[in-house]
Amino acid sequence: MELPNGSATDQAPANPNATDDMLATQPVGYWCGLAQTAVTRHLRDAMAKIDVTQPQYWVLNRVNGGPAAPSREEVVAQLAHLADGPHEIGRVLDQLLHRAWLRIDDGQRLHLTDAGEAARVRLRELATEVRAVVHEGISDEEYVAALRVLRRMVANVEGDGAPGRPS
């Protein structure tokens, strides 16, 4: 297939041992999936050592992160797309209420307790430590460039209304 700029790059099968000169032919989906799996596993393993899950961290951040205290339904709606199933965030809320890291006020709004805030701060420190490991040997400029490429690829396939692109 010839591309609009007149060049053509062959799509090779995924190869975890591809050399640098072969990378342009590698499928981005394979490498993105591999990166997501490895990074997520590394983060979740680190969190498991302190008896916390990634979804618990998401919930603590969401309850802490808005201008107003959210309801249970709002937290579920906002985080469900990240979860492993439609009921996971509700279960996490129950776990955090049981741990007394969250409390519910008279208006059915969720708030962090002092213990919940301490856990959130510790998890943020842990996430920063994990990020340092993941980003070792990668400059901020390289990281930004990689994300720009991925963002452009998403726009290319999802369509952004530009001429010649799917919409």
N, C-alpha and C. Protein backbone atom coordinates (compact mmCIF):
# COMPACT_ATOMS: atom_id res chain seq x y z
N MET A 1 0.84 -1.18 0.00
CA MET A 1 0.00 0.00 0.00
C MET A 1 0.88 1.23 0.00
N GLU A 2 0.62 2.12 -0.91
CA GLU A 2 1.39 3.36 -0.97
C GLU A 2 0.70 4.42 -0.12
N LEU A 3 1.49 5.08 0.69
CA LEU A 3 0.98 6.11 1.57
C LEU A 3 0.90 7.43 0.83
N PRO A 4 0.12 8.41 1.34
CA PRO A 4 -0.05 9.70 0.66
C PRO A 4 1.27 10.41 0.35
N ASN A 5 2.28 10.23 1.18
CA ASN A 5 3.55 10.92 0.94
C ASN A 5 4.44 10.16 -0.05
N GLY A 6 3.92 9.07 -0.64
CA GLY A 6 4.64 8.33 -1.65
C GLY A 6 5.52 7.22 -1.11
N SER A 7 5.61 7.10 0.19
CA SER A 7 6.43 6.03 0.75
C SER A 7 5.54 4.87 1.18
N ALA A 8 6.14 3.74 1.34
CA ALA A 8 5.42 2.57 1.81
C ALA A 8 6.31 1.85 2.81
N THR A 9 5.75 1.50 3.94
CA THR A 9 6.47 0.73 4.93
C THR A 9 5.70 -0.57 5.13
N ASP A 10 6.41 -1.65 4.95
CA ASP A 10 5.81 -2.97 5.10
C ASP A 10 5.46 -3.21 6.56
N GLN A 11 4.37 -3.92 6.80
CA GLN A 11 3.97 -4.28 8.16
C GLN A 11 4.46 -5.70 8.41
N ALA A 12 5.43 -5.84 9.28
CA ALA A 12 5.97 -7.15 9.62
C ALA A 12 5.21 -7.74 10.80
N PRO A 13 5.29 -9.04 10.97
CA PRO A 13 4.69 -9.66 12.16
C PRO A 13 5.39 -9.16 13.42
N ALA A 14 4.67 -9.16 14.52
CA ALA A 14 5.25 -8.73 15.80
C ALA A 14 6.47 -9.59 16.12
N ASN A 15 7.52 -8.92 16.55
CA ASN A 15 8.75 -9.62 16.86
C ASN A 15 9.38 -8.97 18.08
N PRO A 16 9.30 -9.62 19.24
CA PRO A 16 9.87 -9.01 20.44
C PRO A 16 11.38 -8.85 20.36
N ASN A 17 12.03 -9.52 19.42
CA ASN A 17 13.48 -9.42 19.26
C ASN A 17 13.88 -8.53 18.08
N ALA A 18 12.95 -7.73 17.58
CA ALA A 18 13.25 -6.87 16.43
C ALA A 18 14.40 -5.93 16.77
N THR A 19 15.30 -5.79 15.83
CA THR A 19 16.42 -4.86 16.00
C THR A 19 15.92 -3.44 15.70
N ASP A 20 16.70 -2.45 16.08
CA ASP A 20 16.29 -1.06 15.87
C ASP A 20 15.95 -0.78 14.41
N ASP A 21 16.71 -1.36 13.48
CA ASP A 21 16.45 -1.10 12.07
C ASP A 21 15.16 -1.77 11.58
N MET A 22 14.56 -2.65 12.40
CA MET A 22 13.32 -3.32 12.04
C MET A 22 12.09 -2.68 12.70
N LEU A 23 12.30 -1.77 13.64
CA LEU A 23 11.19 -1.25 14.44
C LEU A 23 10.13 -0.53 13.63
N ALA A 24 10.50 0.14 12.55
CA ALA A 24 9.52 0.87 11.75
C ALA A 24 8.47 -0.05 11.14
N THR A 25 8.77 -1.32 11.04
CA THR A 25 7.81 -2.27 10.45
C THR A 25 6.97 -2.99 11.49
N GLN A 26 7.23 -2.73 12.76
CA GLN A 26 6.56 -3.44 13.83
C GLN A 26 5.16 -2.86 14.10
N PRO A 27 4.21 -3.73 14.47
CA PRO A 27 2.85 -3.25 14.75
C PRO A 27 2.77 -2.50 16.09
N VAL A 28 2.27 -1.28 16.04
CA VAL A 28 2.20 -0.45 17.23
C VAL A 28 1.29 -1.08 18.30
N GLY A 29 0.21 -1.73 17.86
CA GLY A 29 -0.69 -2.35 18.83
C GLY A 29 -0.01 -3.39 19.69
N TYR A 30 0.86 -4.17 19.07
CA TYR A 30 1.60 -5.18 19.82
C TYR A 30 2.45 -4.53 20.89
N TRP A 31 3.23 -3.51 20.48
CA TRP A 31 4.15 -2.87 21.41
C TRP A 31 3.43 -2.08 22.49
N CYS A 32 2.32 -1.42 22.14
CA CYS A 32 1.53 -0.70 23.15
C CYS A 32 0.95 -1.68 24.16
N GLY A 33 0.43 -2.80 23.66
CA GLY A 33 -0.12 -3.81 24.55
C GLY A 33 0.92 -4.40 25.47
N LEU A 34 2.09 -4.68 24.92
CA LEU A 34 3.19 -5.22 25.71
C LEU A 34 3.61 -4.24 26.80
N ALA A 35 3.72 -2.96 26.41
CA ALA A 35 4.10 -1.92 27.38
C ALA A 35 3.03 -1.78 28.47
N GLN A 36 1.77 -1.76 28.07
CA GLN A 36 0.70 -1.62 29.05
C GLN A 36 0.70 -2.79 30.03
N THR A 37 0.84 -3.98 29.53
CA THR A 37 0.84 -5.16 30.39
C THR A 37 2.01 -5.13 31.36
N ALA A 38 3.21 -4.84 30.85
CA ALA A 38 4.40 -4.85 31.71
C ALA A 38 4.34 -3.75 32.77
N VAL A 39 3.97 -2.53 32.37
CA VAL A 39 3.93 -1.41 33.31
C VAL A 39 2.83 -1.62 34.35
N THR A 40 1.66 -2.05 33.90
CA THR A 40 0.55 -2.28 34.83
C THR A 40 0.91 -3.38 35.83
N ARG A 41 1.50 -4.47 35.34
CA ARG A 41 1.90 -5.56 36.24
C ARG A 41 2.92 -5.06 37.26
N HIS A 42 3.90 -4.28 36.81
CA HIS A 42 4.93 -3.76 37.72
C HIS A 42 4.31 -2.88 38.80
N LEU A 43 3.41 -1.98 38.40
CA LEU A 43 2.75 -1.10 39.36
C LEU A 43 1.88 -1.89 40.33
N ARG A 44 1.10 -2.81 39.80
CA ARG A 44 0.21 -3.59 40.67
C ARG A 44 0.99 -4.49 41.62
N ASP A 45 2.12 -5.03 41.18
CA ASP A 45 2.96 -5.83 42.07
C ASP A 45 3.51 -4.97 43.20
N ALA A 46 3.95 -3.75 42.88
CA ALA A 46 4.46 -2.85 43.92
C ALA A 46 3.36 -2.49 44.91
N MET A 47 2.15 -2.24 44.41
CA MET A 47 1.03 -1.90 45.30
C MET A 47 0.61 -3.09 46.15
N ALA A 48 0.68 -4.29 45.59
CA ALA A 48 0.29 -5.48 46.34
C ALA A 48 1.18 -5.67 47.58
N LYS A 49 2.42 -5.23 47.49
CA LYS A 49 3.34 -5.37 48.63
C LYS A 49 2.90 -4.55 49.83
N ILE A 50 2.05 -3.55 49.59
CA ILE A 50 1.52 -2.76 50.71
C ILE A 50 0.00 -2.96 50.83
N ASP A 51 -0.48 -4.04 50.24
CA ASP A 51 -1.88 -4.47 50.36
C ASP A 51 -2.88 -3.43 49.82
N VAL A 52 -2.56 -2.90 48.65
CA VAL A 52 -3.45 -1.95 47.99
C VAL A 52 -3.52 -2.33 46.52
N THR A 53 -4.62 -1.97 45.87
CA THR A 53 -4.77 -2.25 44.45
C THR A 53 -4.78 -0.94 43.66
N GLN A 54 -4.51 -1.06 42.38
CA GLN A 54 -4.55 0.12 41.51
C GLN A 54 -5.95 0.75 41.50
N PRO A 55 -7.02 -0.04 41.38
CA PRO A 55 -8.35 0.57 41.44
C PRO A 55 -8.63 1.31 42.76
N GLN A 56 -8.08 0.83 43.86
CA GLN A 56 -8.24 1.56 45.12
C GLN A 56 -7.55 2.93 45.04
N TYR A 57 -6.41 2.97 44.40
CA TYR A 57 -5.70 4.23 44.21
C TYR A 57 -6.51 5.18 43.33
N TRP A 58 -7.10 4.65 42.26
CA TRP A 58 -7.96 5.47 41.40
C TRP A 58 -9.07 6.12 42.21
N VAL A 59 -9.73 5.30 43.06
CA VAL A 59 -10.87 5.80 43.84
C VAL A 59 -10.42 6.85 44.85
N LEU A 60 -9.32 6.59 45.54
CA LEU A 60 -8.82 7.58 46.50
C LEU A 60 -8.52 8.91 45.80
N ASN A 61 -7.91 8.85 44.64
CA ASN A 61 -7.61 10.08 43.89
C ASN A 61 -8.89 10.77 43.44
N ARG A 62 -9.86 10.01 42.97
CA ARG A 62 -11.11 10.61 42.48
C ARG A 62 -11.88 11.26 43.61
N VAL A 63 -11.97 10.61 44.74
CA VAL A 63 -12.71 11.18 45.88
C VAL A 63 -12.01 12.44 46.35
N ASN A 64 -10.70 12.46 46.30
CA ASN A 64 -9.92 13.62 46.72
C ASN A 64 -9.86 14.72 45.66
N GLY A 65 -10.04 14.38 44.39
CA GLY A 65 -9.66 15.27 43.31
C GLY A 65 -10.67 16.24 42.76
N GLY A 66 -11.87 16.28 43.22
CA GLY A 66 -12.85 17.18 42.62
C GLY A 66 -13.14 18.39 43.48
N PRO A 67 -13.86 19.34 42.91
CA PRO A 67 -14.22 20.53 43.68
C PRO A 67 -15.27 20.24 44.75
N ALA A 68 -16.05 19.19 44.53
CA ALA A 68 -17.08 18.80 45.50
C ALA A 68 -16.97 17.31 45.75
N ALA A 69 -17.36 16.91 46.94
CA ALA A 69 -17.34 15.48 47.28
C ALA A 69 -18.29 14.72 46.35
N PRO A 70 -17.81 13.63 45.76
CA PRO A 70 -18.65 12.88 44.82
C PRO A 70 -19.55 11.87 45.54
N SER A 71 -20.59 11.46 44.86
CA SER A 71 -21.41 10.37 45.34
C SER A 71 -20.80 9.06 44.87
N ARG A 72 -21.29 7.97 45.43
CA ARG A 72 -20.88 6.64 45.00
C ARG A 72 -21.12 6.46 43.50
N GLU A 73 -22.30 6.86 43.06
CA GLU A 73 -22.67 6.70 41.65
C GLU A 73 -21.75 7.49 40.73
N GLU A 74 -21.37 8.69 41.16
CA GLU A 74 -20.47 9.51 40.34
C GLU A 74 -19.09 8.87 40.21
N VAL A 75 -18.57 8.33 41.30
CA VAL A 75 -17.26 7.68 41.27
C VAL A 75 -17.32 6.45 40.36
N VAL A 76 -18.35 5.66 40.50
CA VAL A 76 -18.49 4.47 39.64
C VAL A 76 -18.56 4.88 38.17
N ALA A 77 -19.38 5.87 37.87
CA ALA A 77 -19.54 6.31 36.47
C ALA A 77 -18.23 6.85 35.90
N GLN A 78 -17.46 7.56 36.71
CA GLN A 78 -16.24 8.17 36.21
C GLN A 78 -15.08 7.19 36.06
N LEU A 79 -15.10 6.09 36.81
CA LEU A 79 -13.97 5.16 36.78
C LEU A 79 -14.27 3.81 36.14
N ALA A 80 -15.52 3.53 35.86
CA ALA A 80 -15.90 2.20 35.34
C ALA A 80 -15.15 1.83 34.08
N HIS A 81 -14.86 2.80 33.22
CA HIS A 81 -14.18 2.49 31.95
C HIS A 81 -12.74 2.00 32.17
N LEU A 82 -12.16 2.27 33.32
CA LEU A 82 -10.81 1.81 33.63
C LEU A 82 -10.79 0.42 34.25
N ALA A 83 -11.92 0.02 34.80
CA ALA A 83 -12.00 -1.18 35.62
C ALA A 83 -12.06 -2.47 34.80
N ASP A 84 -11.82 -3.57 35.47
CA ASP A 84 -11.86 -4.88 34.84
C ASP A 84 -13.27 -5.43 34.67
N GLY A 85 -14.26 -4.73 35.14
CA GLY A 85 -15.64 -5.16 34.99
C GLY A 85 -16.56 -4.10 35.54
N PRO A 86 -17.86 -4.22 35.26
CA PRO A 86 -18.81 -3.17 35.65
C PRO A 86 -19.02 -3.03 37.16
N HIS A 87 -18.63 -4.03 37.93
CA HIS A 87 -18.89 -3.99 39.37
C HIS A 87 -17.63 -3.71 40.20
N GLU A 88 -16.48 -3.64 39.55
CA GLU A 88 -15.22 -3.52 40.29
C GLU A 88 -15.15 -2.25 41.13
N ILE A 89 -15.51 -1.11 40.59
CA ILE A 89 -15.37 0.14 41.34
C ILE A 89 -16.31 0.16 42.55
N GLY A 90 -17.51 -0.36 42.39
CA GLY A 90 -18.42 -0.47 43.54
C GLY A 90 -17.82 -1.33 44.64
N ARG A 91 -17.18 -2.42 44.27
CA ARG A 91 -16.53 -3.29 45.26
C ARG A 91 -15.37 -2.56 45.94
N VAL A 92 -14.62 -1.81 45.15
CA VAL A 92 -13.50 -1.05 45.71
C VAL A 92 -14.01 -0.02 46.71
N LEU A 93 -15.09 0.65 46.39
CA LEU A 93 -15.68 1.60 47.34
C LEU A 93 -16.03 0.90 48.64
N ASP A 94 -16.63 -0.28 48.54
CA ASP A 94 -16.96 -1.05 49.75
C ASP A 94 -15.71 -1.42 50.54
N GLN A 95 -14.64 -1.82 49.84
CA GLN A 95 -13.38 -2.15 50.51
C GLN A 95 -12.82 -0.95 51.27
N LEU A 96 -12.85 0.21 50.61
CA LEU A 96 -12.28 1.40 51.23
C LEU A 96 -13.14 1.92 52.38
N LEU A 97 -14.44 1.75 52.27
CA LEU A 97 -15.32 2.08 53.40
C LEU A 97 -15.04 1.13 54.57
N HIS A 98 -14.86 -0.14 54.27
CA HIS A 98 -14.56 -1.14 55.31
C HIS A 98 -13.21 -0.84 55.99
N ARG A 99 -12.25 -0.40 55.23
CA ARG A 99 -10.94 -0.05 55.79
C ARG A 99 -10.98 1.27 56.54
N ALA A 100 -12.07 1.98 56.43
CA ALA A 100 -12.23 3.31 57.03
C ALA A 100 -11.29 4.32 56.37
N TRP A 101 -11.02 4.14 55.07
CA TRP A 101 -10.27 5.12 54.30
C TRP A 101 -11.22 6.11 53.64
N LEU A 102 -12.49 5.74 53.57
CA LEU A 102 -13.55 6.60 53.08
C LEU A 102 -14.65 6.65 54.11
N ARG A 103 -15.41 7.75 54.07
CA ARG A 103 -16.62 7.86 54.87
C ARG A 103 -17.70 8.48 54.00
N ILE A 104 -18.95 8.25 54.37
CA ILE A 104 -20.09 8.81 53.65
C ILE A 104 -20.77 9.80 54.57
N ASP A 105 -21.02 11.01 54.08
CA ASP A 105 -21.70 12.02 54.89
C ASP A 105 -23.22 11.87 54.80
N ASP A 106 -23.95 12.73 55.48
CA ASP A 106 -25.41 12.64 55.50
C ASP A 106 -26.04 12.84 54.13
N GLY A 107 -25.33 13.53 53.24
CA GLY A 107 -25.83 13.74 51.88
C GLY A 107 -25.40 12.65 50.91
N GLN A 108 -24.87 11.56 51.44
CA GLN A 108 -24.41 10.42 50.64
C GLN A 108 -23.21 10.77 49.75
N ARG A 109 -22.38 11.69 50.23
CA ARG A 109 -21.17 12.08 49.53
C ARG A 109 -19.97 11.41 50.18
N LEU A 110 -18.98 11.06 49.35
CA LEU A 110 -17.80 10.35 49.83
C LEU A 110 -16.68 11.32 50.18
N HIS A 111 -15.97 11.02 51.25
CA HIS A 111 -14.84 11.82 51.71
C HIS A 111 -13.73 10.89 52.16
N LEU A 112 -12.47 11.34 51.99
CA LEU A 112 -11.35 10.59 52.55
C LEU A 112 -11.30 10.83 54.04
N THR A 113 -10.98 9.79 54.79
CA THR A 113 -10.67 9.94 56.21
C THR A 113 -9.19 10.30 56.31
N ASP A 114 -8.73 10.58 57.52
CA ASP A 114 -7.30 10.85 57.69
C ASP A 114 -6.47 9.65 57.23
N ALA A 115 -6.93 8.46 57.55
CA ALA A 115 -6.23 7.24 57.14
C ALA A 115 -6.26 7.10 55.61
N GLY A 116 -7.36 7.46 55.00
CA GLY A 116 -7.47 7.41 53.54
C GLY A 116 -6.54 8.41 52.87
N GLU A 117 -6.44 9.60 53.43
CA GLU A 117 -5.53 10.60 52.88
C GLU A 117 -4.08 10.14 53.04
N ALA A 118 -3.75 9.56 54.18
CA ALA A 118 -2.39 9.05 54.38
C ALA A 118 -2.08 7.94 53.36
N ALA A 119 -3.05 7.09 53.11
CA ALA A 119 -2.86 6.02 52.11
C ALA A 119 -2.69 6.62 50.72
N ARG A 120 -3.50 7.61 50.39
CA ARG A 120 -3.40 8.25 49.07
C ARG A 120 -2.03 8.88 48.86
N VAL A 121 -1.53 9.56 49.88
CA VAL A 121 -0.22 10.20 49.79
C VAL A 121 0.87 9.13 49.63
N ARG A 122 0.78 8.05 50.40
CA ARG A 122 1.78 6.97 50.29
C ARG A 122 1.72 6.34 48.90
N LEU A 123 0.52 6.15 48.37
CA LEU A 123 0.38 5.55 47.03
C LEU A 123 0.92 6.49 45.95
N ARG A 124 0.73 7.77 46.14
CA ARG A 124 1.29 8.72 45.17
C ARG A 124 2.82 8.65 45.18
N GLU A 125 3.40 8.54 46.37
CA GLU A 125 4.85 8.38 46.48
C GLU A 125 5.30 7.09 45.79
N LEU A 126 4.57 6.02 46.00
CA LEU A 126 4.89 4.74 45.37
C LEU A 126 4.77 4.84 43.85
N ALA A 127 3.71 5.47 43.37
CA ALA A 127 3.53 5.63 41.92
C ALA A 127 4.67 6.45 41.32
N THR A 128 5.15 7.45 42.05
CA THR A 128 6.28 8.25 41.59
C THR A 128 7.55 7.40 41.53
N GLU A 129 7.74 6.53 42.52
CA GLU A 129 8.89 5.62 42.52
C GLU A 129 8.82 4.66 41.34
N VAL A 130 7.65 4.11 41.09
CA VAL A 130 7.47 3.18 39.97
C VAL A 130 7.70 3.92 38.65
N ARG A 131 7.20 5.13 38.54
CA ARG A 131 7.40 5.92 37.32
C ARG A 131 8.89 6.11 37.05
N ALA A 132 9.67 6.35 38.10
CA ALA A 132 11.11 6.55 37.92
C ALA A 132 11.76 5.29 37.35
N VAL A 133 11.33 4.13 37.80
CA VAL A 133 11.86 2.87 37.27
C VAL A 133 11.47 2.71 35.80
N VAL A 134 10.20 2.95 35.50
CA VAL A 134 9.69 2.79 34.13
C VAL A 134 10.38 3.77 33.19
N HIS A 135 10.66 4.97 33.64
CA HIS A 135 11.22 6.03 32.79
C HIS A 135 12.75 6.07 32.80
N GLU A 136 13.39 5.13 33.49
CA GLU A 136 14.85 5.14 33.57
C GLU A 136 15.46 5.13 32.16
N GLY A 137 16.37 6.05 31.91
CA GLY A 137 17.04 6.15 30.62
C GLY A 137 16.22 6.82 29.54
N ILE A 138 15.07 7.38 29.89
CA ILE A 138 14.19 8.04 28.93
C ILE A 138 14.04 9.50 29.37
N SER A 139 14.44 10.41 28.51
CA SER A 139 14.31 11.83 28.84
C SER A 139 12.85 12.25 28.74
N ASP A 140 12.54 13.37 29.37
CA ASP A 140 11.18 13.91 29.26
C ASP A 140 10.84 14.21 27.81
N GLU A 141 11.82 14.69 27.05
CA GLU A 141 11.59 15.00 25.64
C GLU A 141 11.24 13.74 24.85
N GLU A 142 11.95 12.64 25.11
CA GLU A 142 11.64 11.38 24.43
C GLU A 142 10.26 10.88 24.80
N TYR A 143 9.93 11.01 26.06
CA TYR A 143 8.62 10.56 26.54
C TYR A 143 7.50 11.37 25.89
N VAL A 144 7.67 12.69 25.85
CA VAL A 144 6.67 13.55 25.22
C VAL A 144 6.54 13.21 23.74
N ALA A 145 7.65 12.97 23.07
CA ALA A 145 7.62 12.62 21.64
C ALA A 145 6.86 11.31 21.44
N ALA A 146 7.10 10.33 22.28
CA ALA A 146 6.39 9.05 22.16
C ALA A 146 4.89 9.24 22.35
N LEU A 147 4.50 10.03 23.33
CA LEU A 147 3.08 10.26 23.57
C LEU A 147 2.44 11.05 22.45
N ARG A 148 3.17 11.99 21.88
CA ARG A 148 2.64 12.74 20.73
C ARG A 148 2.37 11.81 19.56
N VAL A 149 3.28 10.89 19.32
CA VAL A 149 3.08 9.92 18.24
C VAL A 149 1.86 9.06 18.52
N LEU A 150 1.73 8.57 19.72
CA LEU A 150 0.56 7.74 20.05
C LEU A 150 -0.73 8.54 19.95
N ARG A 151 -0.71 9.76 20.43
CA ARG A 151 -1.90 10.62 20.34
C ARG A 151 -2.29 10.84 18.88
N ARG A 152 -1.30 11.04 18.02
CA ARG A 152 -1.58 11.24 16.59
C ARG A 152 -2.16 9.96 15.98
N MET A 153 -1.62 8.81 16.35
CA MET A 153 -2.14 7.54 15.83
C MET A 153 -3.60 7.35 16.23
N VAL A 154 -3.92 7.68 17.46
CA VAL A 154 -5.32 7.59 17.91
C VAL A 154 -6.19 8.51 17.07
N ALA A 155 -5.74 9.73 16.86
CA ALA A 155 -6.52 10.67 16.04
C ALA A 155 -6.65 10.15 14.61
N ASN A 156 -5.60 9.55 14.08
CA ASN A 156 -5.66 9.01 12.72
C ASN A 156 -6.72 7.94 12.57
N VAL A 157 -6.85 7.06 13.54
CA VAL A 157 -7.80 5.96 13.40
C VAL A 157 -9.19 6.29 13.92
N GLU A 158 -9.28 7.22 14.87
CA GLU A 158 -10.61 7.59 15.37
C GLU A 158 -11.24 8.68 14.52
N GLY A 159 -10.45 9.37 13.77
CA GLY A 159 -10.96 10.43 12.92
C GLY A 159 -11.15 11.71 13.69
N ASP A 160 -10.65 12.76 13.11
CA ASP A 160 -10.77 14.06 13.77
C ASP A 160 -11.44 15.10 12.86
N GLY A 161 -12.04 14.61 11.77
CA GLY A 161 -12.75 15.51 10.88
C GLY A 161 -11.89 16.17 9.84
N ALA A 162 -10.59 15.93 9.86
CA ALA A 162 -9.69 16.54 8.88
C ALA A 162 -9.89 15.87 7.52
N PRO A 163 -9.71 16.63 6.44
CA PRO A 163 -9.86 16.03 5.10
C PRO A 163 -8.94 14.83 4.92
N GLY A 164 -9.47 13.78 4.30
CA GLY A 164 -8.69 12.59 4.04
C GLY A 164 -8.58 11.64 5.20
N ARG A 165 -9.20 11.98 6.32
CA ARG A 165 -9.18 11.10 7.48
C ARG A 165 -10.57 10.56 7.74
N PRO A 166 -10.65 9.34 8.29
CA PRO A 166 -11.97 8.80 8.61
C PRO A 166 -12.66 9.67 9.67
N SER A 167 -13.97 9.71 9.58
CA SER A 167 -14.70 10.49 10.61
C SER A 167 -15.82 9.67 11.19
